[in-house]
Amino acid sequence: MAHLRSVLLLMGMLSASHAEEKSPKNHCEREASWKEWQALVAKHPDDQGLQTLHVLRIGLCVEVRRRELSVQQGTAIFEKARQALPSEGQETTQNELPKLLQP
């Protein structure tokens, strides 16, 4: 699990530096992204960290659609929450996370 935490932190740093180069993508508008999240949470129903991120993502996407948050603000909130998750109890494998952990 410590390895998973390291991978998540590295992903956060890479996405943060990438976000500085250009505007973040709005994955809330991608139907494929929603399907990937649904498949992942269905596969790991007992992973509370993943479930928490999923619910947070839903709420952030609502706020972005309402234009109450920018995509950049939503991404920043999501990344902070993802980095704050404890590594214990996370069942999701590192191979499943990289393309999915973006709001």
PDB file of N, CA and C in Angstrom:
ATOM      1  N   MET A   1       0.800  -1.193   0.000  1.00  0.00           N
ATOM      2  CA  MET A   1       0.000   0.000   0.000  1.00  0.00           C
ATOM      3  C   MET A   1       0.850   1.268   0.000  1.00  0.00           C
ATOM      4  N   ALA A   2       2.027   1.207   0.608  1.00  0.00           N
ATOM      5  CA  ALA A   2       2.904   2.368   0.609  1.00  0.00           C
ATOM      6  C   ALA A   2       3.320   2.700  -0.823  1.00  0.00           C
ATOM      7  N   HIS A   3       3.498   1.668  -1.634  1.00  0.00           N
ATOM      8  CA  HIS A   3       3.860   1.881  -3.034  1.00  0.00           C
ATOM      9  C   HIS A   3       2.723   2.593  -3.767  1.00  0.00           C
ATOM     10  N   LEU A   4       1.502   2.201  -3.489  1.00  0.00           N
ATOM     11  CA  LEU A   4       0.345   2.838  -4.103  1.00  0.00           C
ATOM     12  C   LEU A   4       0.295   4.307  -3.721  1.00  0.00           C
ATOM     13  N   ARG A   5       0.557   4.603  -2.454  1.00  0.00           N
ATOM     14  CA  ARG A   5       0.567   5.994  -1.985  1.00  0.00           C
ATOM     15  C   ARG A   5       1.632   6.793  -2.746  1.00  0.00           C
ATOM     16  N   SER A   6       2.818   6.210  -2.945  1.00  0.00           N
ATOM     17  CA  SER A   6       3.889   6.884  -3.680  1.00  0.00           C
ATOM     18  C   SER A   6       3.475   7.159  -5.117  1.00  0.00           C
ATOM     19  N   VAL A   7       2.824   6.192  -5.734  1.00  0.00           N
ATOM     20  CA  VAL A   7       2.363   6.364  -7.112  1.00  0.00           C
ATOM     21  C   VAL A   7       1.339   7.488  -7.182  1.00  0.00           C
ATOM     22  N   LEU A   8       0.417   7.520  -6.219  1.00  0.00           N
ATOM     23  CA  LEU A   8      -0.598   8.567  -6.202  1.00  0.00           C
ATOM     24  C   LEU A   8       0.028   9.950  -6.027  1.00  0.00           C
ATOM     25  N   LEU A   9       1.002  10.059  -5.144  1.00  0.00           N
ATOM     26  CA  LEU A   9       1.663  11.344  -4.936  1.00  0.00           C
ATOM     27  C   LEU A   9       2.412  11.786  -6.189  1.00  0.00           C
ATOM     28  N   LEU A  10       3.094  10.852  -6.827  1.00  0.00           N
ATOM     29  CA  LEU A  10       3.808  11.174  -8.056  1.00  0.00           C
ATOM     30  C   LEU A  10       2.839  11.625  -9.137  1.00  0.00           C
ATOM     31  N   MET A  11       1.715  10.932  -9.247  1.00  0.00           N
ATOM     32  CA  MET A  11       0.702  11.314 -10.231  1.00  0.00           C
ATOM     33  C   MET A  11       0.198  12.728  -9.968  1.00  0.00           C
ATOM     34  N   GLY A  12       0.004  13.060  -8.703  1.00  0.00           N
ATOM     35  CA  GLY A  12      -0.443  14.402  -8.349  1.00  0.00           C
ATOM     36  C   GLY A  12       0.556  15.454  -8.750  1.00  0.00           C
ATOM     37  N   MET A  13       1.834  15.176  -8.505  1.00  0.00           N
ATOM     38  CA  MET A  13       2.875  16.130  -8.878  1.00  0.00           C
ATOM     39  C   MET A  13       2.954  16.290 -10.391  1.00  0.00           C
ATOM     40  N   LEU A  14       2.852  15.190 -11.107  1.00  0.00           N
ATOM     41  CA  LEU A  14       2.918  15.263 -12.563  1.00  0.00           C
ATOM     42  C   LEU A  14       1.724  16.003 -13.139  1.00  0.00           C
ATOM     43  N   SER A  15       0.540  15.729 -12.617  1.00  0.00           N
ATOM     44  CA  SER A  15      -0.637  16.414 -13.134  1.00  0.00           C
ATOM     45  C   SER A  15      -0.613  17.883 -12.759  1.00  0.00           C
ATOM     46  N   ALA A  16      -0.064  18.227 -11.597  1.00  0.00           N
ATOM     47  CA  ALA A  16       0.032  19.632 -11.195  1.00  0.00           C
ATOM     48  C   ALA A  16       0.990  20.387 -12.110  1.00  0.00           C
ATOM     49  N   SER A  17       2.147  19.787 -12.414  1.00  0.00           N
ATOM     50  CA  SER A  17       3.090  20.475 -13.295  1.00  0.00           C
ATOM     51  C   SER A  17       2.541  20.557 -14.711  1.00  0.00           C
ATOM     52  N   HIS A  18       1.812  19.538 -15.127  1.00  0.00           N
ATOM     53  CA  HIS A  18       1.195  19.544 -16.450  1.00  0.00           C
ATOM     54  C   HIS A  18       0.097  20.599 -16.503  1.00  0.00           C
ATOM     55  N   ALA A  19      -0.649  20.764 -15.415  1.00  0.00           N
ATOM     56  CA  ALA A  19      -1.741  21.736 -15.368  1.00  0.00           C
ATOM     57  C   ALA A  19      -1.211  23.158 -15.480  1.00  0.00           C
ATOM     58  N   GLU A  20       0.007  23.389 -15.009  1.00  0.00           N
ATOM     59  CA  GLU A  20       0.586  24.718 -15.113  1.00  0.00           C
ATOM     60  C   GLU A  20       0.917  25.060 -16.559  1.00  0.00           C
ATOM     61  N   GLU A  21       1.180  24.049 -17.365  1.00  0.00           N
ATOM     62  CA  GLU A  21       1.539  24.275 -18.757  1.00  0.00           C
ATOM     63  C   GLU A  21       0.319  24.659 -19.588  1.00  0.00           C
ATOM     64  N   LYS A  22      -0.824  24.078 -19.293  1.00  0.00           N
ATOM     65  CA  LYS A  22      -2.037  24.377 -20.034  1.00  0.00           C
ATOM     66  C   LYS A  22      -3.233  24.154 -19.130  1.00  0.00           C
ATOM     67  N   SER A  23      -4.385  24.569 -19.586  1.00  0.00           N
ATOM     68  CA  SER A  23      -5.599  24.410 -18.785  1.00  0.00           C
ATOM     69  C   SER A  23      -5.903  22.933 -18.590  1.00  0.00           C
ATOM     70  N   PRO A  24      -6.433  22.568 -17.410  1.00  0.00           N
ATOM     71  CA  PRO A  24      -6.770  21.163 -17.193  1.00  0.00           C
ATOM     72  C   PRO A  24      -7.945  20.744 -18.074  1.00  0.00           C
ATOM     73  N   LYS A  25      -7.938  19.490 -18.441  1.00  0.00           N
ATOM     74  CA  LYS A  25      -9.043  18.949 -19.230  1.00  0.00           C
ATOM     75  C   LYS A  25     -10.258  18.781 -18.335  1.00  0.00           C
ATOM     76  N   ASN A  26     -11.416  18.997 -18.899  1.00  0.00           N
ATOM     77  CA  ASN A  26     -12.652  18.791 -18.161  1.00  0.00           C
ATOM     78  C   ASN A  26     -13.135  17.370 -18.421  1.00  0.00           C
ATOM     79  N   HIS A  27     -12.707  16.460 -17.561  1.00  0.00           N
ATOM     80  CA  HIS A  27     -13.090  15.055 -17.714  1.00  0.00           C
ATOM     81  C   HIS A  27     -14.537  14.813 -17.323  1.00  0.00           C
ATOM     82  N   CYS A  28     -15.169  15.813 -16.727  1.00  0.00           N
ATOM     83  CA  CYS A  28     -16.579  15.688 -16.372  1.00  0.00           C
ATOM     84  C   CYS A  28     -17.450  15.549 -17.619  1.00  0.00           C
ATOM     85  N   GLU A  29     -16.980  16.052 -18.720  1.00  0.00           N
ATOM     86  CA  GLU A  29     -17.750  16.025 -19.963  1.00  0.00           C
ATOM     87  C   GLU A  29     -17.502  14.770 -20.798  1.00  0.00           C
ATOM     88  N   ARG A  30     -16.570  13.945 -20.368  1.00  0.00           N
ATOM     89  CA  ARG A  30     -16.232  12.732 -21.129  1.00  0.00           C
ATOM     90  C   ARG A  30     -17.064  11.547 -20.643  1.00  0.00           C
ATOM     91  N   GLU A  31     -17.917  11.037 -21.473  1.00  0.00           N
ATOM     92  CA  GLU A  31     -18.748   9.884 -21.115  1.00  0.00           C
ATOM     93  C   GLU A  31     -17.888   8.672 -20.766  1.00  0.00           C
ATOM     94  N   ALA A  32     -16.805   8.488 -21.492  1.00  0.00           N
ATOM     95  CA  ALA A  32     -15.909   7.353 -21.223  1.00  0.00           C
ATOM     96  C   ALA A  32     -15.329   7.431 -19.815  1.00  0.00           C
ATOM     97  N   SER A  33     -15.052   8.631 -19.355  1.00  0.00           N
ATOM     98  CA  SER A  33     -14.512   8.816 -18.010  1.00  0.00           C
ATOM     99  C   SER A  33     -15.509   8.366 -16.956  1.00  0.00           C
ATOM    100  N   TRP A  34     -16.782   8.716 -17.151  1.00  0.00           N
ATOM    101  CA  TRP A  34     -17.821   8.287 -16.202  1.00  0.00           C
ATOM    102  C   TRP A  34     -17.941   6.763 -16.194  1.00  0.00           C
ATOM    103  N   LYS A  35     -17.866   6.140 -17.343  1.00  0.00           N
ATOM    104  CA  LYS A  35     -17.955   4.675 -17.419  1.00  0.00           C
ATOM    105  C   LYS A  35     -16.767   4.021 -16.729  1.00  0.00           C
ATOM    106  N   GLU A  36     -15.584   4.586 -16.894  1.00  0.00           N
ATOM    107  CA  GLU A  36     -14.392   4.042 -16.230  1.00  0.00           C
ATOM    108  C   GLU A  36     -14.540   4.120 -14.712  1.00  0.00           C
ATOM    109  N   TRP A  37     -15.017   5.263 -14.231  1.00  0.00           N
ATOM    110  CA  TRP A  37     -15.218   5.416 -12.784  1.00  0.00           C
ATOM    111  C   TRP A  37     -16.255   4.409 -12.277  1.00  0.00           C
ATOM    112  N   GLN A  38     -17.361   4.271 -12.998  1.00  0.00           N
ATOM    113  CA  GLN A  38     -18.408   3.327 -12.580  1.00  0.00           C
ATOM    114  C   GLN A  38     -17.863   1.903 -12.504  1.00  0.00           C
ATOM    115  N   ALA A  39     -17.077   1.518 -13.485  1.00  0.00           N
ATOM    116  CA  ALA A  39     -16.500   0.177 -13.492  1.00  0.00           C
ATOM    117  C   ALA A  39     -15.537  -0.007 -12.320  1.00  0.00           C
ATOM    118  N   LEU A  40     -14.749   1.003 -12.047  1.00  0.00           N
ATOM    119  CA  LEU A  40     -13.768   0.909 -10.976  1.00  0.00           C
ATOM    120  C   LEU A  40     -14.427   0.826  -9.602  1.00  0.00           C
ATOM    121  N   VAL A  41     -15.435   1.656  -9.354  1.00  0.00           N
ATOM    122  CA  VAL A  41     -16.090   1.603  -8.044  1.00  0.00           C
ATOM    123  C   VAL A  41     -16.907   0.322  -7.886  1.00  0.00           C
ATOM    124  N   ALA A  42     -17.430  -0.206  -8.984  1.00  0.00           N
ATOM    125  CA  ALA A  42     -18.152  -1.482  -8.906  1.00  0.00           C
ATOM    126  C   ALA A  42     -17.182  -2.621  -8.601  1.00  0.00           C
ATOM    127  N   LYS A  43     -15.985  -2.533  -9.127  1.00  0.00           N
ATOM    128  CA  LYS A  43     -14.979  -3.573  -8.902  1.00  0.00           C
ATOM    129  C   LYS A  43     -14.424  -3.531  -7.479  1.00  0.00           C
ATOM    130  N   HIS A  44     -14.427  -2.351  -6.858  1.00  0.00           N
ATOM    131  CA  HIS A  44     -13.855  -2.169  -5.515  1.00  0.00           C
ATOM    132  C   HIS A  44     -14.863  -1.506  -4.571  1.00  0.00           C
ATOM    133  N   PRO A  45     -15.990  -2.167  -4.316  1.00  0.00           N
ATOM    134  CA  PRO A  45     -17.037  -1.536  -3.497  1.00  0.00           C
ATOM    135  C   PRO A  45     -16.630  -1.272  -2.049  1.00  0.00           C
ATOM    136  N   ASP A  46     -15.638  -1.964  -1.539  1.00  0.00           N
ATOM    137  CA  ASP A  46     -15.232  -1.787  -0.141  1.00  0.00           C
ATOM    138  C   ASP A  46     -14.060  -0.828   0.026  1.00  0.00           C
ATOM    139  N   ASP A  47     -13.564  -0.272  -1.051  1.00  0.00           N
ATOM    140  CA  ASP A  47     -12.454   0.682  -0.980  1.00  0.00           C
ATOM    141  C   ASP A  47     -13.039   2.057  -0.664  1.00  0.00           C
ATOM    142  N   GLN A  48     -13.034   2.407   0.617  1.00  0.00           N
ATOM    143  CA  GLN A  48     -13.650   3.657   1.047  1.00  0.00           C
ATOM    144  C   GLN A  48     -12.948   4.885   0.475  1.00  0.00           C
ATOM    145  N   GLY A  49     -11.652   4.814   0.298  1.00  0.00           N
ATOM    146  CA  GLY A  49     -10.928   5.934  -0.294  1.00  0.00           C
ATOM    147  C   GLY A  49     -11.389   6.186  -1.722  1.00  0.00           C
ATOM    148  N   LEU A  50     -11.492   5.128  -2.492  1.00  0.00           N
ATOM    149  CA  LEU A  50     -11.950   5.243  -3.870  1.00  0.00           C
ATOM    150  C   LEU A  50     -13.394   5.730  -3.921  1.00  0.00           C
ATOM    151  N   GLN A  51     -14.237   5.184  -3.060  1.00  0.00           N
ATOM    152  CA  GLN A  51     -15.644   5.609  -3.017  1.00  0.00           C
ATOM    153  C   GLN A  51     -15.747   7.089  -2.666  1.00  0.00           C
ATOM    154  N   THR A  52     -14.904   7.539  -1.733  1.00  0.00           N
ATOM    155  CA  THR A  52     -14.894   8.947  -1.345  1.00  0.00           C
ATOM    156  C   THR A  52     -14.503   9.829  -2.523  1.00  0.00           C
ATOM    157  N   LEU A  53     -13.462   9.434  -3.239  1.00  0.00           N
ATOM    158  CA  LEU A  53     -13.038  10.212  -4.405  1.00  0.00           C
ATOM    159  C   LEU A  53     -14.122  10.241  -5.475  1.00  0.00           C
ATOM    160  N   HIS A  54     -14.810   9.133  -5.640  1.00  0.00           N
ATOM    161  CA  HIS A  54     -15.878   9.062  -6.645  1.00  0.00           C
ATOM    162  C   HIS A  54     -17.005  10.039  -6.311  1.00  0.00           C
ATOM    163  N   VAL A  55     -17.422  10.039  -5.066  1.00  0.00           N
ATOM    164  CA  VAL A  55     -18.496  10.935  -4.648  1.00  0.00           C
ATOM    165  C   VAL A  55     -18.040  12.397  -4.749  1.00  0.00           C
ATOM    166  N   LEU A  56     -16.807  12.659  -4.352  1.00  0.00           N
ATOM    167  CA  LEU A  56     -16.266  14.012  -4.470  1.00  0.00           C
ATOM    168  C   LEU A  56     -16.239  14.444  -5.933  1.00  0.00           C
ATOM    169  N   ARG A  57     -15.824  13.546  -6.812  1.00  0.00           N
ATOM    170  CA  ARG A  57     -15.769  13.852  -8.246  1.00  0.00           C
ATOM    171  C   ARG A  57     -17.146  14.224  -8.772  1.00  0.00           C
ATOM    172  N   ILE A  58     -18.163  13.480  -8.364  1.00  0.00           N
ATOM    173  CA  ILE A  58     -19.532  13.775  -8.805  1.00  0.00           C
ATOM    174  C   ILE A  58     -19.918  15.192  -8.383  1.00  0.00           C
ATOM    175  N   GLY A  59     -19.673  15.519  -7.116  1.00  0.00           N
ATOM    176  CA  GLY A  59     -20.020  16.846  -6.622  1.00  0.00           C
ATOM    177  C   GLY A  59     -19.236  17.952  -7.302  1.00  0.00           C
ATOM    178  N   LEU A  60     -17.951  17.718  -7.522  1.00  0.00           N
ATOM    179  CA  LEU A  60     -17.133  18.727  -8.195  1.00  0.00           C
ATOM    180  C   LEU A  60     -17.605  18.948  -9.630  1.00  0.00           C
ATOM    181  N   CYS A  61     -17.973  17.878 -10.292  1.00  0.00           N
ATOM    182  CA  CYS A  61     -18.465  18.014 -11.665  1.00  0.00           C
ATOM    183  C   CYS A  61     -19.766  18.815 -11.710  1.00  0.00           C
ATOM    184  N   VAL A  62     -20.628  18.623 -10.728  1.00  0.00           N
ATOM    185  CA  VAL A  62     -21.857  19.423 -10.652  1.00  0.00           C
ATOM    186  C   VAL A  62     -21.498  20.900 -10.507  1.00  0.00           C
ATOM    187  N   GLU A  63     -20.565  21.201  -9.619  1.00  0.00           N
ATOM    188  CA  GLU A  63     -20.153  22.591  -9.396  1.00  0.00           C
ATOM    189  C   GLU A  63     -19.500  23.193 -10.638  1.00  0.00           C
ATOM    190  N   VAL A  64     -18.719  22.399 -11.357  1.00  0.00           N
ATOM    191  CA  VAL A  64     -18.084  22.885 -12.586  1.00  0.00           C
ATOM    192  C   VAL A  64     -19.150  23.161 -13.648  1.00  0.00           C
ATOM    193  N   ARG A  65     -20.123  22.266 -13.770  1.00  0.00           N
ATOM    194  CA  ARG A  65     -21.201  22.477 -14.755  1.00  0.00           C
ATOM    195  C   ARG A  65     -22.004  23.732 -14.440  1.00  0.00           C
ATOM    196  N   ARG A  66     -22.212  23.996 -13.168  1.00  0.00           N
ATOM    197  CA  ARG A  66     -22.948  25.199 -12.748  1.00  0.00           C
ATOM    198  C   ARG A  66     -22.084  26.454 -12.844  1.00  0.00           C
ATOM    199  N   ARG A  67     -20.826  26.278 -13.148  1.00  0.00           N
ATOM    200  CA  ARG A  67     -19.842  27.359 -13.221  1.00  0.00           C
ATOM    201  C   ARG A  67     -19.628  28.035 -11.860  1.00  0.00           C
ATOM    202  N   GLU A  68     -19.851  27.263 -10.804  1.00  0.00           N
ATOM    203  CA  GLU A  68     -19.553  27.745  -9.459  1.00  0.00           C
ATOM    204  C   GLU A  68     -18.094  27.474  -9.108  1.00  0.00           C
ATOM    205  N   LEU A  69     -17.473  26.560  -9.830  1.00  0.00           N
ATOM    206  CA  LEU A  69     -16.041  26.272  -9.737  1.00  0.00           C
ATOM    207  C   LEU A  69     -15.492  26.201 -11.150  1.00  0.00           C
ATOM    208  N   SER A  70     -14.259  26.611 -11.312  1.00  0.00           N
ATOM    209  CA  SER A  70     -13.601  26.403 -12.600  1.00  0.00           C
ATOM    210  C   SER A  70     -13.070  24.970 -12.637  1.00  0.00           C
ATOM    211  N   VAL A  71     -12.737  24.497 -13.823  1.00  0.00           N
ATOM    212  CA  VAL A  71     -12.139  23.169 -13.946  1.00  0.00           C
ATOM    213  C   VAL A  71     -10.845  23.132 -13.139  1.00  0.00           C
ATOM    214  N   GLN A  72     -10.098  24.216 -13.190  1.00  0.00           N
ATOM    215  CA  GLN A  72      -8.834  24.285 -12.454  1.00  0.00           C
ATOM    216  C   GLN A  72      -9.074  24.179 -10.938  1.00  0.00           C
ATOM    217  N   GLN A  73     -10.082  24.869 -10.421  1.00  0.00           N
ATOM    218  CA  GLN A  73     -10.387  24.796  -8.991  1.00  0.00           C
ATOM    219  C   GLN A  73     -10.843  23.386  -8.611  1.00  0.00           C
ATOM    220  N   GLY A  74     -11.694  22.799  -9.428  1.00  0.00           N
ATOM    221  CA  GLY A  74     -12.169  21.444  -9.161  1.00  0.00           C
ATOM    222  C   GLY A  74     -11.041  20.436  -9.159  1.00  0.00           C
ATOM    223  N   THR A  75     -10.128  20.581 -10.103  1.00  0.00           N
ATOM    224  CA  THR A  75      -8.972  19.691 -10.178  1.00  0.00           C
ATOM    225  C   THR A  75      -8.103  19.839  -8.933  1.00  0.00           C
ATOM    226  N   ALA A  76      -7.884  21.062  -8.497  1.00  0.00           N
ATOM    227  CA  ALA A  76      -7.060  21.308  -7.310  1.00  0.00           C
ATOM    228  C   ALA A  76      -7.683  20.690  -6.062  1.00  0.00           C
ATOM    229  N   ILE A  77      -8.984  20.847  -5.903  1.00  0.00           N
ATOM    230  CA  ILE A  77      -9.687  20.261  -4.754  1.00  0.00           C
ATOM    231  C   ILE A  77      -9.579  18.751  -4.787  1.00  0.00           C
ATOM    232  N   PHE A  78      -9.803  18.167  -5.962  1.00  0.00           N
ATOM    233  CA  PHE A  78      -9.744  16.721  -6.109  1.00  0.00           C
ATOM    234  C   PHE A  78      -8.357  16.191  -5.779  1.00  0.00           C
ATOM    235  N   GLU A  79      -7.334  16.854  -6.288  1.00  0.00           N
ATOM    236  CA  GLU A  79      -5.961  16.402  -6.052  1.00  0.00           C
ATOM    237  C   GLU A  79      -5.600  16.477  -4.572  1.00  0.00           C
ATOM    238  N   LYS A  80      -6.014  17.526  -3.884  1.00  0.00           N
ATOM    239  CA  LYS A  80      -5.747  17.634  -2.442  1.00  0.00           C
ATOM    240  C   LYS A  80      -6.414  16.502  -1.689  1.00  0.00           C
ATOM    241  N   ALA A  81      -7.643  16.194  -2.042  1.00  0.00           N
ATOM    242  CA  ALA A  81      -8.357  15.099  -1.377  1.00  0.00           C
ATOM    243  C   ALA A  81      -7.683  13.760  -1.665  1.00  0.00           C
ATOM    244  N   ARG A  82      -7.274  13.569  -2.890  1.00  0.00           N
ATOM    245  CA  ARG A  82      -6.623  12.307  -3.271  1.00  0.00           C
ATOM    246  C   ARG A  82      -5.318  12.131  -2.509  1.00  0.00           C
ATOM    247  N   GLN A  83      -4.560  13.188  -2.378  1.00  0.00           N
ATOM    248  CA  GLN A  83      -3.290  13.108  -1.671  1.00  0.00           C
ATOM    249  C   GLN A  83      -3.472  12.912  -0.174  1.00  0.00           C
ATOM    250  N   ALA A  84      -4.593  13.343   0.355  1.00  0.00           N
ATOM    251  CA  ALA A  84      -4.842  13.248   1.791  1.00  0.00           C
ATOM    252  C   ALA A  84      -5.333  11.871   2.222  1.00  0.00           C
ATOM    253  N   LEU A  85      -5.720  11.033   1.280  1.00  0.00           N
ATOM    254  CA  LEU A  85      -6.235   9.709   1.640  1.00  0.00           C
ATOM    255  C   LEU A  85      -5.147   8.846   2.265  1.00  0.00           C
ATOM    256  N   PRO A  86      -5.478   8.135   3.342  1.00  0.00           N
ATOM    257  CA  PRO A  86      -4.502   7.206   3.911  1.00  0.00           C
ATOM    258  C   PRO A  86      -4.298   6.037   2.958  1.00  0.00           C
ATOM    259  N   SER A  87      -3.111   5.476   2.979  1.00  0.00           N
ATOM    260  CA  SER A  87      -2.821   4.374   2.064  1.00  0.00           C
ATOM    261  C   SER A  87      -3.413   3.055   2.542  1.00  0.00           C
ATOM    262  N   GLU A  88      -3.684   2.923   3.841  1.00  0.00           N
ATOM    263  CA  GLU A  88      -4.248   1.674   4.349  1.00  0.00           C
ATOM    264  C   GLU A  88      -5.673   1.503   3.848  1.00  0.00           C
ATOM    265  N   GLY A  89      -5.991   0.286   3.492  1.00  0.00           N
ATOM    266  CA  GLY A  89      -7.355  -0.037   3.106  1.00  0.00           C
ATOM    267  C   GLY A  89      -7.673   0.229   1.653  1.00  0.00           C
ATOM    268  N   GLN A  90      -6.783   0.848   0.919  1.00  0.00           N
ATOM    269  CA  GLN A  90      -7.056   1.078  -0.486  1.00  0.00           C
ATOM    270  C   GLN A  90      -6.782  -0.213  -1.244  1.00  0.00           C
ATOM    271  N   GLU A  91      -7.797  -0.695  -1.915  1.00  0.00           N
ATOM    272  CA  GLU A  91      -7.683  -1.970  -2.614  1.00  0.00           C
ATOM    273  C   GLU A  91      -7.368  -1.793  -4.095  1.00  0.00           C
ATOM    274  N   THR A  92      -7.557  -0.627  -4.617  1.00  0.00           N
ATOM    275  CA  THR A  92      -7.397  -0.381  -6.034  1.00  0.00           C
ATOM    276  C   THR A  92      -5.935  -0.526  -6.434  1.00  0.00           C
ATOM    277  N   THR A  93      -5.704  -1.209  -7.514  1.00  0.00           N
ATOM    278  CA  THR A  93      -4.328  -1.409  -7.957  1.00  0.00           C
ATOM    279  C   THR A  93      -3.812  -0.183  -8.683  1.00  0.00           C
ATOM    280  N   GLN A  94      -2.509  -0.016  -8.678  1.00  0.00           N
ATOM    281  CA  GLN A  94      -1.904   1.154  -9.313  1.00  0.00           C
ATOM    282  C   GLN A  94      -2.178   1.200 -10.809  1.00  0.00           C
ATOM    283  N   ASN A  95      -2.357   0.066 -11.451  1.00  0.00           N
ATOM    284  CA  ASN A  95      -2.603   0.053 -12.888  1.00  0.00           C
ATOM    285  C   ASN A  95      -3.964   0.629 -13.247  1.00  0.00           C
ATOM    286  N   GLU A  96      -4.899   0.618 -12.312  1.00  0.00           N
ATOM    287  CA  GLU A  96      -6.229   1.115 -12.597  1.00  0.00           C
ATOM    288  C   GLU A  96      -6.376   2.613 -12.339  1.00  0.00           C
ATOM    289  N   LEU A  97      -5.516   3.181 -11.526  1.00  0.00           N
ATOM    290  CA  LEU A  97      -5.700   4.552 -11.080  1.00  0.00           C
ATOM    291  C   LEU A  97      -5.275   5.646 -12.051  1.00  0.00           C
ATOM    292  N   PRO A  98      -4.145   5.567 -12.718  1.00  0.00           N
ATOM    293  CA  PRO A  98      -3.632   6.737 -13.426  1.00  0.00           C
ATOM    294  C   PRO A  98      -4.594   7.450 -14.352  1.00  0.00           C
ATOM    295  N   LYS A  99      -5.331   6.750 -15.169  1.00  0.00           N
ATOM    296  CA  LYS A  99      -6.186   7.435 -16.131  1.00  0.00           C
ATOM    297  C   LYS A  99      -7.514   7.881 -15.525  1.00  0.00           C
ATOM    298  N   LEU A 100      -7.776   7.494 -14.287  1.00  0.00           N
ATOM    299  CA  LEU A 100      -9.078   7.771 -13.710  1.00  0.00           C
ATOM    300  C   LEU A 100      -9.088   8.865 -12.651  1.00  0.00           C
ATOM    301  N   LEU A 101      -7.989   9.140 -12.039  1.00  0.00           N
ATOM    302  CA  LEU A 101      -7.998  10.062 -10.911  1.00  0.00           C
ATOM    303  C   LEU A 101      -7.862  11.501 -11.334  1.00  0.00           C
ATOM    304  N   GLN A 102      -8.818  11.953 -12.106  1.00  0.00           N
ATOM    305  CA  GLN A 102      -8.918  13.347 -12.480  1.00  0.00           C
ATOM    306  C   GLN A 102     -10.394  13.716 -12.515  1.00  0.00           C
ATOM    307  N   PRO A 103     -10.723  14.869 -11.987  1.00  0.00           N
ATOM    308  CA  PRO A 103     -12.144  15.247 -12.011  1.00  0.00           C
ATOM    309  C   PRO A 103     -12.617  15.563 -13.407  1.00  0.00           C
TER     310      PRO A 103
END
